[in-house]
Protein backbone atom coordinates (compact mmCIF):
# COMPACT_ATOMS: atom_id res chain seq x y z
CA UNK A 1 90.16 96.63 71.23
CA UNK A 2 87.53 98.75 69.51
CA UNK A 3 88.33 102.43 69.59
CA UNK A 4 86.69 104.08 72.58
CA UNK A 5 83.40 105.63 71.84
CA UNK A 6 80.26 106.64 73.70
CA UNK A 7 78.22 104.21 71.63
CA UNK A 8 80.30 101.19 72.48
CA UNK A 9 79.88 100.91 76.24
CA UNK A 10 80.53 97.98 78.50
CA UNK A 11 77.81 96.93 80.89
CA UNK A 12 77.97 98.84 84.17
CA UNK A 13 78.50 96.87 87.36
CA UNK A 14 75.88 97.40 90.07
CA UNK A 15 75.96 96.36 93.77
CA UNK A 16 73.05 96.07 96.14
CA UNK A 17 73.54 97.18 99.70
CA UNK A 18 71.30 97.73 102.72
CA UNK A 19 70.26 96.61 106.17
CA UNK A 20 69.42 92.97 106.89
CA UNK A 21 65.82 92.09 105.96
CA UNK A 22 65.24 95.14 103.81
CA UNK A 23 64.64 92.88 100.81
CA UNK A 24 67.93 92.99 98.89
CA UNK A 25 67.82 89.40 97.72
CA UNK A 26 64.14 89.51 97.05
CA UNK A 27 64.68 92.59 94.83
CA UNK A 28 67.41 90.73 92.90
CA UNK A 29 65.13 87.70 92.52
CA UNK A 30 62.32 89.92 91.24
CA UNK A 31 64.53 91.61 88.70
CA UNK A 32 65.92 88.21 87.56
CA UNK A 33 62.65 86.44 86.86
CA UNK A 34 61.20 86.93 83.37
CA UNK A 35 59.03 84.78 81.20
CA UNK A 36 59.36 81.97 83.69
CA UNK A 37 55.86 80.83 82.84
CA UNK A 38 56.98 80.27 79.29
CA UNK A 39 59.56 77.89 80.61
CA UNK A 40 62.72 79.75 79.70
CA UNK A 41 65.01 82.03 81.55
CA UNK A 42 64.45 85.06 79.42
CA UNK A 43 67.99 85.64 78.40
CA UNK A 44 69.26 86.43 81.84
CA UNK A 45 72.61 84.69 82.31
CA UNK A 46 73.47 83.57 85.73
CA UNK A 47 77.16 84.05 86.15
CA UNK A 48 79.62 83.31 88.88
CA UNK A 49 78.82 85.72 91.69
CA UNK A 50 76.92 88.03 89.29
CA UNK A 51 73.81 88.13 87.10
CA UNK A 52 73.94 89.61 83.70
CA UNK A 53 70.84 91.30 82.20
CA UNK A 54 71.16 91.69 78.38
CA UNK A 55 69.64 94.67 76.64
CA UNK A 56 66.61 92.76 75.50
CA UNK A 57 65.67 91.85 79.08
CA UNK A 58 66.10 95.45 80.24
CA UNK A 59 63.86 96.63 77.41
CA UNK A 60 61.22 94.06 78.38
CA UNK A 61 61.36 95.02 82.03
CA UNK A 62 61.03 98.78 81.32
CA UNK A 63 58.42 98.44 78.60
CA UNK A 64 55.78 99.93 80.95
CA UNK A 65 57.75 103.20 80.91
CA UNK A 66 58.57 103.14 77.22
CA UNK A 67 55.22 102.67 75.62
CA UNK A 68 55.98 105.23 72.81
CA UNK A 69 59.45 103.69 72.22
CA UNK A 70 61.17 107.07 72.59
CA UNK A 71 63.77 105.91 75.17
CA UNK A 72 67.25 105.20 73.89
CA UNK A 73 69.39 102.34 75.24
CA UNK A 74 73.14 102.32 74.57
CA UNK A 75 74.21 99.77 77.18
CA UNK A 76 74.84 96.15 76.15
CA UNK A 77 73.31 95.15 79.48
CA UNK A 78 73.74 95.41 83.24
CA UNK A 79 75.84 93.29 85.51
CA UNK A 80 74.43 92.99 89.02
CA UNK A 81 76.71 91.51 91.68
CA UNK A 82 74.77 88.82 93.43
CA UNK A 83 76.20 88.88 96.91
CA UNK A 84 73.99 91.45 98.52
CA UNK A 85 75.49 93.36 101.40
CA UNK A 86 78.64 95.35 101.94
CA UNK A 87 81.06 92.43 101.89
CA UNK A 88 80.78 92.32 98.13
CA UNK A 89 81.23 96.05 97.99
CA UNK A 90 84.34 96.18 99.98
CA UNK A 91 85.84 93.24 98.03
CA UNK A 92 85.13 94.88 94.80
CA UNK A 93 87.76 97.42 95.11
CA UNK A 94 89.84 97.55 92.02
CA UNK A 95 92.92 99.75 91.74
CA UNK A 96 91.98 103.17 93.20
CA UNK A 97 88.41 103.12 92.07
CA UNK A 98 85.77 100.83 93.40
CA UNK A 99 84.83 98.20 90.86
CA UNK A 100 81.20 99.02 91.44
CA UNK A 101 79.96 101.65 88.98
CA UNK A 102 76.63 102.33 90.64
CA UNK A 103 74.89 100.97 93.75
CA UNK A 104 71.40 100.44 94.90
CA UNK A 105 70.90 101.16 98.59
CA UNK A 106 67.78 99.34 99.80
CA UNK A 107 65.80 101.04 102.56
CA UNK A 108 62.71 99.62 104.15
CA UNK A 109 60.11 102.36 103.92
CA UNK A 110 58.48 101.08 107.15
CA UNK A 111 61.77 101.28 109.17
CA UNK A 112 63.77 104.08 107.62
CA UNK A 113 67.55 104.17 108.01
CA UNK A 114 69.00 101.39 110.18
CA UNK A 115 72.54 100.87 111.50
CA UNK A 116 73.81 98.79 108.55
CA UNK A 117 72.18 101.25 106.13
CA UNK A 118 74.37 103.96 107.67
CA UNK A 119 77.44 101.72 107.35
CA UNK A 120 76.63 101.22 103.70
CA UNK A 121 76.17 104.89 103.25
CA UNK A 122 79.53 105.60 104.73
CA UNK A 123 81.15 103.05 102.37
CA UNK A 124 79.43 104.59 99.39
CA UNK A 125 80.58 108.08 100.37
CA UNK A 126 84.15 106.99 101.06
CA UNK A 127 84.38 105.38 97.67
CA UNK A 128 82.49 108.24 96.00
CA UNK A 129 80.19 105.67 94.32
CA UNK A 130 77.04 107.03 92.75
CA UNK A 131 73.89 105.39 94.13
CA UNK A 132 70.17 105.37 94.08
CA UNK A 133 67.86 104.40 96.96
CA UNK A 134 65.22 101.75 96.55
CA UNK A 135 62.46 102.59 99.11
CA UNK A 136 61.35 99.03 99.38
CA UNK A 137 58.19 97.33 100.75
CA UNK A 138 55.65 100.04 99.63
CA UNK A 139 53.15 97.21 99.41
CA UNK A 140 53.16 97.14 103.20
CA UNK A 141 51.47 100.51 103.35
CA UNK A 142 48.07 100.04 104.90
CA UNK A 143 45.42 99.59 102.18
CA UNK A 144 47.86 99.45 99.23
CA UNK A 145 46.29 98.00 96.10
CA UNK A 146 48.92 96.17 94.15
CA UNK A 147 49.18 96.31 90.36
CA UNK A 148 52.01 93.78 89.69
CA UNK A 149 55.14 94.90 87.75
CA UNK A 150 53.63 98.35 87.19
CA UNK A 151 55.48 101.63 87.18
CA UNK A 152 55.32 103.26 90.57
CA UNK A 153 53.87 106.68 89.46
CA UNK A 154 51.01 104.85 87.80
CA UNK A 155 50.38 102.55 90.78
CA UNK A 156 50.38 105.50 93.22
CA UNK A 157 47.78 107.32 91.16
CA UNK A 158 45.43 104.34 91.62
CA UNK A 159 45.67 104.40 95.47
CA UNK A 160 43.21 105.90 97.89
CA UNK A 161 43.84 109.29 99.56
CA UNK A 162 44.71 107.68 102.91
CA UNK A 163 47.42 105.49 101.27
CA UNK A 164 48.91 108.49 99.45
CA UNK A 165 48.99 110.40 102.77
CA UNK A 166 50.76 107.56 104.55
CA UNK A 167 53.24 107.27 101.71
CA UNK A 168 54.00 110.99 101.89
CA UNK A 169 54.57 110.82 105.71
CA UNK A 170 56.88 107.86 105.48
CA UNK A 171 58.76 109.21 102.53
CA UNK A 172 59.31 112.53 104.36
CA UNK A 173 60.67 110.70 107.39
CA UNK A 174 63.23 108.95 105.21
CA UNK A 175 64.21 112.19 103.49
CA UNK A 176 64.66 113.86 106.91
CA UNK A 177 66.84 110.90 108.05
CA UNK A 178 69.04 111.35 105.03
CA UNK A 179 69.36 115.09 105.76
CA UNK A 180 70.50 114.23 109.28
CA UNK A 181 73.30 112.26 107.67
CA UNK A 182 74.25 115.15 105.39
CA UNK A 183 72.53 114.01 102.15
CA UNK A 184 69.73 115.64 100.19
CA UNK A 185 67.23 113.09 98.85
CA UNK A 186 64.06 113.40 96.79
CA UNK A 187 61.72 111.19 94.74
CA UNK A 188 63.40 110.36 91.44
CA UNK A 189 60.69 111.91 89.28
CA UNK A 190 61.05 115.21 91.18
CA UNK A 191 64.84 115.16 90.98
CA UNK A 192 66.05 117.93 88.66
CA UNK A 193 69.65 117.85 89.84
CA UNK A 194 71.12 114.36 90.02
CA UNK A 195 74.48 115.69 91.26
CA UNK A 196 73.10 117.25 94.43
CA UNK A 197 70.18 114.99 95.28
CA UNK A 198 69.98 111.25 95.86
CA UNK A 199 67.08 109.71 93.95
CA UNK A 200 64.53 107.68 95.92
CA UNK A 201 62.71 104.99 93.88
CA UNK A 202 59.76 103.47 95.78
CA UNK A 203 59.61 99.72 94.96
CA UNK A 204 58.02 96.51 96.11
CA UNK A 205 60.08 93.37 95.64
CA UNK A 206 56.89 91.46 96.42
CA UNK A 207 54.58 92.86 93.71
CA UNK A 208 57.32 94.11 91.34
CA UNK A 209 55.94 97.64 91.36
CA UNK A 210 58.56 100.33 90.87
CA UNK A 211 61.09 97.88 89.57
CA UNK A 212 60.76 99.13 85.99
CA UNK A 213 61.36 102.66 87.35
CA UNK A 214 64.49 101.46 89.15
CA UNK A 215 66.00 99.69 86.12
CA UNK A 216 65.17 102.62 83.90
CA UNK A 217 66.84 105.06 86.30
CA UNK A 218 69.93 102.86 86.46
CA UNK A 219 70.14 102.78 82.69
CA UNK A 220 69.62 106.48 82.28
CA UNK A 221 72.07 107.42 85.01
CA UNK A 222 74.83 105.12 83.78
CA UNK A 223 74.59 105.87 80.11
CA UNK A 224 74.26 109.63 80.41
CA UNK A 225 76.39 110.58 83.42
CA UNK A 226 78.88 107.72 83.36
CA UNK A 227 79.56 107.01 79.73
CA UNK A 228 83.15 108.13 80.22
CA UNK A 229 83.83 105.41 82.70
CA UNK A 230 82.03 102.76 80.75
CA UNK A 231 83.88 103.01 77.53
CA UNK A 232 86.03 99.91 76.83
CA UNK A 233 89.65 100.21 77.73
CA UNK A 234 92.16 97.55 76.70
CA UNK A 235 93.73 97.38 80.16
CA UNK A 236 92.47 94.43 82.11
CA UNK A 237 90.74 95.08 85.45
CA UNK A 238 89.77 92.06 87.41
CA UNK A 239 89.10 91.28 91.06
CA UNK A 240 88.93 87.96 92.94
CA UNK A 241 85.64 87.54 94.76
CA UNK A 242 86.09 84.19 96.41
CA UNK A 243 88.20 81.07 96.46
CA UNK A 244 86.35 77.73 96.28
CA UNK A 245 87.27 74.05 96.07
CA UNK A 246 85.18 72.27 93.40
CA UNK A 247 85.17 68.53 92.81
CA UNK A 248 86.91 67.67 89.60
CA UNK A 249 88.40 71.14 89.20
CA UNK A 250 90.39 71.56 92.43
CA UNK A 251 90.76 75.05 93.87
CA UNK A 252 89.08 77.66 91.69
CA UNK A 253 88.65 81.42 92.03
CA UNK A 254 85.52 83.37 91.23
CA UNK A 255 86.37 86.77 89.70
CA UNK A 256 84.61 89.77 88.33
CA UNK A 257 86.13 91.00 85.13
CA UNK A 258 85.32 94.69 84.96
CA UNK A 259 87.39 95.66 81.89
CA UNK A 260 89.45 93.97 79.20
CA UNK A 261 89.56 90.38 77.97
CA UNK A 262 90.69 87.15 79.62
CA UNK A 263 91.78 84.10 77.45
CA UNK A 264 92.40 80.49 78.22
CA UNK A 265 96.09 79.90 78.71
CA UNK A 266 96.85 83.48 79.90
CA UNK A 267 99.60 83.76 82.49
CA UNK A 268 97.94 85.45 85.52
CA UNK A 269 99.39 86.91 88.70
CA UNK A 270 97.46 87.37 91.96
CA UNK A 271 98.08 87.93 95.66
CA UNK A 272 98.73 85.00 98.01
CA UNK A 273 97.87 84.43 101.65
CA UNK A 274 101.44 84.26 102.96
CA UNK A 275 102.42 87.61 101.47
CA UNK A 276 103.84 86.15 98.26
CA UNK A 277 102.44 86.52 94.77
CA UNK A 278 101.00 83.51 92.89
CA UNK A 279 101.78 83.23 89.15
CA UNK A 280 99.89 80.54 87.20
CA UNK A 281 98.32 79.78 83.80
CA UNK A 282 94.50 79.82 83.22
CA UNK A 283 93.45 76.28 82.63
CA UNK A 284 89.77 76.95 82.09
CA UNK A 285 87.31 79.87 82.07
CA UNK A 286 83.92 78.72 83.19
CA UNK A 287 80.46 80.18 83.50
CA UNK A 288 77.31 78.28 84.61
CA UNK A 289 75.03 76.73 82.01
CA UNK A 290 72.21 79.02 80.80
CA UNK A 291 69.17 77.86 82.70
CA UNK A 292 67.34 76.40 79.75
CA UNK A 293 70.03 73.81 78.96
CA UNK A 294 69.61 71.79 82.11
CA UNK A 295 69.77 68.53 80.19
CA UNK A 296 73.46 69.12 79.50
CA UNK A 297 75.36 67.07 81.97
CA UNK A 298 78.28 69.34 82.69
CA UNK A 299 77.59 72.08 85.16
CA UNK A 300 79.79 74.67 83.42
CA UNK A 301 80.34 76.10 79.95
CA UNK A 302 83.94 76.42 78.87
CA UNK A 303 85.04 79.62 77.08
CA UNK A 304 88.12 80.33 75.01
CA UNK A 305 87.94 83.99 75.95
CA UNK A 306 85.65 86.26 77.96
CA UNK A 307 85.06 89.98 77.59
CA UNK A 308 84.08 92.47 80.37
CA UNK A 309 81.81 93.03 82.31
CA UNK A 310 81.40 89.49 83.51
CA UNK A 311 81.56 87.14 86.44
CA UNK A 312 83.66 84.09 85.67
CA UNK A 313 85.26 81.11 87.45
CA UNK A 314 88.93 80.45 86.70
CA UNK A 315 90.46 76.98 87.17
CA UNK A 316 94.23 77.00 87.37
CA UNK A 317 97.01 75.24 89.28
CA UNK A 318 98.40 76.60 92.63
CA UNK A 319 95.33 78.57 93.65
CA UNK A 320 95.12 77.08 97.17
CA UNK A 321 96.62 80.16 98.79
CA UNK A 322 94.84 82.77 96.61
CA UNK A 323 93.49 85.77 98.43
CA UNK A 324 89.90 86.90 98.07
CA UNK A 325 89.75 90.59 97.25
CA UNK A 326 93.10 90.53 95.44
CA UNK A 327 93.66 92.07 92.04
CA UNK A 328 94.28 89.74 89.18
CA UNK A 329 96.72 90.75 86.41
CA UNK A 330 97.61 89.17 83.10
CA UNK A 331 101.28 89.00 82.09
CA UNK A 332 101.41 90.36 78.54
CA UNK A 333 104.10 89.63 75.98
CA UNK A 334 106.20 92.71 76.95
CA UNK A 335 105.43 92.66 80.72
CA UNK A 336 107.89 91.78 83.44
CA UNK A 337 106.34 89.10 85.57
CA UNK A 338 108.34 90.10 88.67
CA UNK A 339 107.14 93.71 88.37
CA UNK A 340 103.54 92.59 88.17
CA UNK A 341 104.05 90.36 91.21
CA UNK A 342 105.32 93.31 93.17
CA UNK A 343 102.37 95.45 92.10
CA UNK A 344 99.78 92.84 93.14
CA UNK A 345 101.49 92.36 96.49
CA UNK A 346 101.62 96.16 97.02
CA UNK A 347 97.89 95.94 97.96
CA UNK A 348 98.69 93.60 100.82
CA UNK A 349 101.87 95.34 101.94
CA UNK A 350 100.22 98.71 102.09
CA UNK A 351 97.68 97.15 104.48
CA UNK A 352 100.41 95.48 106.55
CA UNK A 353 102.14 98.83 106.93
CA UNK A 354 99.31 100.01 109.10
CA UNK A 355 100.26 97.43 111.71
CA UNK A 356 101.82 98.57 114.92
CA UNK A 357 105.58 97.66 114.58
CA UNK A 358 106.14 97.54 118.37
CA UNK A 359 103.98 94.41 118.40
CA UNK A 360 101.54 96.12 120.73
CA UNK A 361 97.92 95.68 119.75
CA UNK A 362 95.06 93.34 118.97
CA UNK A 363 95.09 90.68 116.24
CA UNK A 364 92.67 90.90 113.41
CA UNK A 365 91.29 88.29 111.09
CA UNK A 366 88.98 88.94 108.11
CA UNK A 367 87.51 87.02 105.17
CA UNK A 368 88.91 89.09 102.28
CA UNK A 369 91.43 91.81 101.49
CA UNK A 370 88.59 94.28 101.13
CA UNK A 371 86.93 93.47 104.47
CA UNK A 372 90.31 93.52 106.16
CA UNK A 373 90.98 96.97 104.69
CA UNK A 374 87.65 98.23 105.92
CA UNK A 375 88.24 96.80 109.40
CA UNK A 376 91.74 98.13 109.71
CA UNK A 377 90.67 101.57 108.59
CA UNK A 378 87.81 101.49 111.20
CA UNK A 379 90.23 100.43 113.97
CA UNK A 380 92.71 103.13 112.96
CA UNK A 381 90.04 105.84 113.28
CA UNK A 382 88.98 104.34 116.65
CA UNK A 383 92.62 104.36 117.91
CA UNK A 384 92.81 100.67 118.58
CA UNK A 385 96.32 99.40 117.81
CA UNK A 386 96.71 96.27 115.64
CA UNK A 387 99.72 93.97 116.04
CA UNK A 388 98.89 91.17 113.57
CA UNK A 389 96.51 90.43 110.69
CA UNK A 390 95.50 87.40 108.76
CA UNK A 391 92.89 86.48 106.14
CA UNK A 392 90.72 83.41 106.24
CA UNK A 393 89.52 81.03 109.02
CA UNK A 394 91.05 81.24 112.48
CA UNK A 395 93.43 78.37 113.43
CA UNK A 396 95.57 77.58 116.43
CA UNK A 397 98.53 79.53 115.11
CA UNK A 398 96.51 82.72 115.10
CA UNK A 399 95.63 82.18 118.72
CA UNK A 400 99.35 81.63 119.48
CA UNK A 401 100.11 84.99 117.80
CA UNK A 402 97.49 86.76 119.88
CA UNK A 403 98.85 85.17 123.10
CA UNK A 404 102.09 87.15 122.93
CA UNK A 405 100.08 90.10 124.24
CA UNK A 406 99.15 88.34 127.47
CA UNK A 407 102.32 89.47 129.20
CA UNK A 408 102.44 92.96 127.65
CA UNK A 409 98.86 94.07 128.20
CA UNK A 410 95.96 91.70 128.86
CA UNK A 411 93.22 93.86 127.35
CA UNK A 412 94.81 93.63 123.89
CA UNK A 413 95.26 89.82 124.03
CA UNK A 414 92.27 89.24 121.87
CA UNK A 415 91.32 88.34 118.30
CA UNK A 416 88.81 90.41 116.29
CA UNK A 417 87.26 88.09 113.68
CA UNK A 418 85.24 89.76 110.95
CA UNK A 419 83.08 87.46 108.92
CA UNK A 420 85.34 84.37 109.35
CA UNK A 421 84.90 80.90 110.84
CA UNK A 422 86.83 79.93 113.96
CA UNK A 423 88.29 76.45 114.17
CA UNK A 424 87.02 74.24 117.05
CA UNK A 425 90.59 73.56 118.30
CA UNK A 426 91.46 77.23 118.11
CA UNK A 427 88.36 78.15 120.14
CA UNK A 428 89.25 75.68 122.84
CA UNK A 429 92.86 76.81 122.95
CA UNK A 430 91.79 80.45 123.23
CA UNK A 431 89.60 79.55 126.22
CA UNK A 432 92.40 77.71 127.94
CA UNK A 433 94.85 80.58 127.42
CA UNK A 434 92.40 83.32 128.36
CA UNK A 435 92.32 84.98 124.93
CA UNK A 436 89.13 86.68 124.02
CA UNK A 437 87.80 85.92 120.49
CA UNK A 438 85.22 88.39 119.14
CA UNK A 439 83.16 87.34 116.10
CA UNK A 440 80.77 89.46 114.06
CA UNK A 441 79.56 90.10 110.53
CA UNK A 442 79.20 93.87 111.01
CA UNK A 443 82.28 95.94 111.84
CA UNK A 444 80.29 98.02 114.41
CA UNK A 445 79.35 94.98 116.38
CA UNK A 446 82.96 93.83 116.64
CA UNK A 447 83.98 97.28 117.77
CA UNK A 448 81.14 97.42 120.41
CA UNK A 449 82.08 93.96 121.83
CA UNK A 450 85.68 94.96 122.01
CA UNK A 451 85.07 98.34 123.65
CA UNK A 452 82.74 96.83 126.21
CA UNK A 453 85.44 94.22 127.11
CA UNK A 454 88.14 96.86 127.22
CA UNK A 455 86.05 99.12 129.44
CA UNK A 456 85.30 96.27 131.87
CA UNK A 457 89.03 95.43 132.17
CA UNK A 458 90.00 99.05 132.61
CA UNK A 459 87.43 99.49 135.35
CA UNK A 460 88.66 96.43 137.21
CA UNK A 461 92.23 97.63 136.98
CA UNK A 462 91.29 101.13 138.17
CA UNK A 463 89.56 99.59 141.21
CA UNK A 464 92.71 97.65 142.10
CA UNK A 465 95.03 100.61 141.58
CA UNK A 466 92.84 103.34 143.07
CA UNK A 467 94.45 103.16 146.58
CA UNK A 468 97.94 103.68 145.07
CA UNK A 469 96.98 106.52 142.77
CA UNK A 470 98.06 109.93 144.14
CA UNK A 471 96.43 112.98 142.50
CA UNK A 472 98.58 116.08 142.50
CA UNK A 473 97.66 119.06 144.73
CA UNK A 474 99.15 122.05 146.57
CA UNK A 475 97.41 123.28 149.69
CA UNK A 476 97.77 126.39 151.89
CA UNK A 477 96.64 126.66 155.53
CA UNK A 478 93.75 128.99 156.34
CA UNK A 479 95.30 131.50 158.87
CA UNK A 480 94.47 130.54 162.46
CA UNK A 481 92.66 127.32 161.49
CA UNK A 482 94.55 124.93 163.61
CA UNK A 483 92.17 122.55 165.48
CA UNK A 484 94.66 119.79 166.56
CA UNK A 485 98.43 120.16 166.55
CA UNK A 486 99.51 116.53 166.30
CA UNK A 487 98.43 112.91 165.96
CA UNK A 488 96.05 113.46 164.23
CA UNK A 489 96.76 116.84 162.68
CA UNK A 490 93.43 118.66 162.09
CA UNK A 491 93.73 121.93 160.18
CA UNK A 492 91.74 124.10 157.74
CA UNK A 493 93.21 124.42 154.22
CA UNK A 494 92.59 125.95 150.79
CA UNK A 495 93.32 124.09 147.52
CA UNK A 496 95.74 126.30 145.63
CA UNK A 497 96.32 123.96 142.68
CA UNK A 498 95.21 120.50 141.53
CA UNK A 499 92.71 118.21 143.23
CA UNK A 500 92.69 116.99 146.87
CA UNK A 501 91.22 113.57 147.58
CA UNK A 502 90.78 111.48 150.79
CA UNK A 503 93.76 109.15 151.05
CA UNK A 504 96.27 111.60 149.56
CA UNK A 505 99.67 111.47 151.32
CA UNK A 506 100.88 115.03 152.23
CA UNK A 507 104.38 116.45 152.80
CA UNK A 508 106.04 119.78 153.37
CA UNK A 509 109.42 120.99 152.21
CA UNK A 510 111.66 122.62 154.80
CA UNK A 511 115.08 124.22 154.26
CA UNK A 512 117.63 123.28 156.88
CA UNK A 513 118.83 126.68 158.23
CA UNK A 514 122.45 125.42 158.76
CA UNK A 515 123.11 123.26 155.69
CA UNK A 516 120.60 124.97 153.46
CA UNK A 517 119.64 121.44 152.29
CA UNK A 518 116.10 120.65 151.25
CA UNK A 519 114.18 118.32 153.58
CA UNK A 520 111.03 116.63 152.53
CA UNK A 521 108.90 115.87 155.58
CA UNK A 522 106.04 113.33 155.25
CA UNK A 523 103.00 114.25 157.37
CA UNK A 524 100.83 111.27 156.73
CA UNK A 525 97.62 110.65 154.76
CA UNK A 526 94.43 112.66 154.63
CA UNK A 527 91.90 110.31 156.29
CA UNK A 528 88.83 112.60 156.16
CA UNK A 529 87.72 115.98 154.89
CA UNK A 530 84.86 118.23 155.89
CA UNK A 531 83.40 121.26 154.18
CA UNK A 532 80.53 123.23 155.77
CA UNK A 533 80.10 120.30 158.22
CA UNK A 534 79.59 117.86 155.30
CA UNK A 535 82.04 114.99 154.61
CA UNK A 536 83.57 115.24 151.11
CA UNK A 537 86.09 113.05 149.34
CA UNK A 538 87.28 115.31 146.49
CA UNK A 539 87.92 119.09 146.39
CA UNK A 540 89.23 120.76 143.26
CA UNK A 541 91.10 124.04 142.95
CA UNK A 542 88.74 126.96 143.60
CA UNK A 543 86.18 124.62 145.16
CA UNK A 544 87.20 124.95 148.77
CA UNK A 545 85.09 128.07 149.55
CA UNK A 546 85.83 129.13 153.13
CA UNK A 547 88.26 126.33 153.55
CA UNK A 548 88.26 122.57 154.08
CA UNK A 549 88.91 120.89 157.44
CA UNK A 550 91.18 117.99 156.97
CA UNK A 551 92.43 115.21 159.27
CA UNK A 552 95.99 113.96 158.64
CA UNK A 553 97.06 110.74 160.31
CA UNK A 554 100.49 109.11 159.94
CA UNK A 555 101.29 105.42 159.93
CA UNK A 556 101.92 103.61 163.23
CA UNK A 557 105.57 103.12 162.48
CA UNK A 558 106.25 106.85 161.68
CA UNK A 559 106.99 109.62 164.16
CA UNK A 560 104.06 111.94 164.56
CA UNK A 561 104.67 115.39 163.18
CA UNK A 562 103.72 118.55 165.09
CA UNK A 563 102.39 121.97 164.17
CA UNK A 564 105.00 124.65 164.98
CA UNK A 565 107.90 122.22 164.81
CA UNK A 566 107.62 120.52 161.40
CA UNK A 567 105.28 122.96 159.69
CA UNK A 568 103.55 126.32 160.40
CA UNK A 569 100.84 128.62 158.98
CA UNK A 570 103.11 129.76 156.12
CA UNK A 571 103.89 126.20 154.94
CA UNK A 572 102.78 124.91 151.55
CA UNK A 573 101.52 121.29 151.56
CA UNK A 574 102.19 118.99 148.61
CA UNK A 575 100.61 115.70 147.68
CA UNK A 576 103.47 113.26 147.98
CA UNK A 577 103.64 111.74 144.55
CA UNK A 578 106.18 109.03 143.61
CA UNK A 579 107.51 107.48 140.34
CA UNK A 580 105.11 104.52 140.92
CA UNK A 581 102.08 106.65 141.53
CA UNK A 582 102.80 108.77 138.39
CA UNK A 583 102.95 105.54 136.31
CA UNK A 584 99.58 104.42 137.72
CA UNK A 585 98.04 107.78 136.81
CA UNK A 586 99.44 107.47 133.28
CA UNK A 587 98.25 103.89 132.84
CA UNK A 588 94.70 103.98 134.33
CA UNK A 589 93.72 107.59 135.17
CA UNK A 590 95.17 109.45 132.27
CA UNK A 591 91.84 111.01 131.22
CA UNK A 592 90.80 111.87 134.78
CA UNK A 593 93.41 114.63 134.95
CA UNK A 594 93.18 117.93 133.12
CA UNK A 595 96.11 119.50 131.29
CA UNK A 596 96.82 121.84 134.19
CA UNK A 597 96.84 118.87 136.59
CA UNK A 598 99.34 117.06 134.44
CA UNK A 599 101.44 120.22 134.36
CA UNK A 600 101.26 120.19 138.20
CA UNK A 601 102.54 116.59 138.26
CA UNK A 602 105.58 117.74 136.28
CA UNK A 603 106.02 120.69 138.71
CA UNK A 604 105.80 118.48 141.78
CA UNK A 605 108.31 116.06 140.27
CA UNK A 606 110.80 118.82 140.23
CA UNK A 607 109.98 119.93 143.81
CA UNK A 608 110.17 116.38 145.22
CA UNK A 609 113.24 115.38 143.18
CA UNK A 610 111.50 112.47 141.42
CA UNK A 611 113.48 111.09 138.50
């Protein structure tokens, strides 16, 4: 490898993220097309999963901004990952650092920040990836006069006052939205401090305005602030983007090579679906034909070796079980293949370690290692336990795995599928067994569907269990407030501790004068409560004012208890909790009780000798 130097840089890798319909793909298309009218592709090479813009093309695109030729270009080109959206971004995680050197976050100037924009923002911040914001669709501003492929500053100067005013208003709204999310943003030509402020580049994918500014900014940012990261290193960094079956080649993998060199015949190691590593030899390194050579019959060009940064298709035996998002390593002459296998698998094992060992939790299915990682992290933060994971389409065996939760806890017997297809048979089987399958392309949506379902089940269970739930309370009688001595007992009480509800069974504890033994006497259930002549159903500690009149009735098969004989004015009344009622409180009403009330449950357990 050439000695590292700031003049020999590899091309930076750039991802495009943003909300649906903000114009990500359109922007890419606009950047891609050059000299089409002259009938050739202008040197842009379409690669597997990525588009490479050589230096010449970049110079052509930014010529509007470089009329005096004073700008310096050190990059050999720019590699833009084609799959717009955050899937590509989560997959492109190479060891420790994200594979993506810089990102473009596309924001629709007419709509501002939308849910997916915020999700992308979170991703960028988690990975500490530098990014710029393309404020797209400026041509939608009312009265905008388009000057195709012009620099934005120049185009804005040609607009009428009303258009300029509308632009200012919309731009300020976006800046405010960024501030609400903890980021300072400003227009790129006003940005004096790139480290503190995010640069906004107004663009139009439709007319091409502002695109020269965007490419220029990417070039300047990467070659000045990131030259350290872009110097060649001899170590190979490579990530699997997707696994595809291609006629005549069998199963192939599309990878992005972000550093180093790959050669035909190299022994490579990558992660497999069933938790084992795959070791195989590269049979062919392929990239698509440059666009101008369409007359060549074969769809791919074969290479003896490829150098970073580059998107390439690898054909090799045994790739059927390859895992998208896995790292790819080359076994060198003095490397130990087994060690490398362990290292590649460590990515998967570290993910699997976040699974609940007790087998209590939901099952998760995602399309790639990266998206699985993002989903598991999100579920961990949201306190949703996970009992099993898998990568790839959902089959019957995945439904079987989720069904083990049916006995343990029904609300967790479900499958969260992120960005994957569900097999017809599997869907049918899930329906028959009563297993919920949630599908979504955005993590948030999955989470919302699951929480709504969970909430609905919890509510139903609470309704069923409410009659058996006994809330803890200690009551004292208001002196002289005895209205009926027995059957039913009607007395006035104060709530000393806890919470008194209609339906609570009450008891008193008497000490037998002869044997000194503790006797727990059940008085019956509170059937109604009145406070200031109004019927109430819940009274908390300190909320009883001048006292609450309660009516206590005992079951038909019990002996009626009498004031003066079983209890008197000095007696303390306790809610008669049991082991079963405590379990119900823990299971369904845990958050309804305060810390003090839980402490009271413990105190009553002691008083009523509950094990």
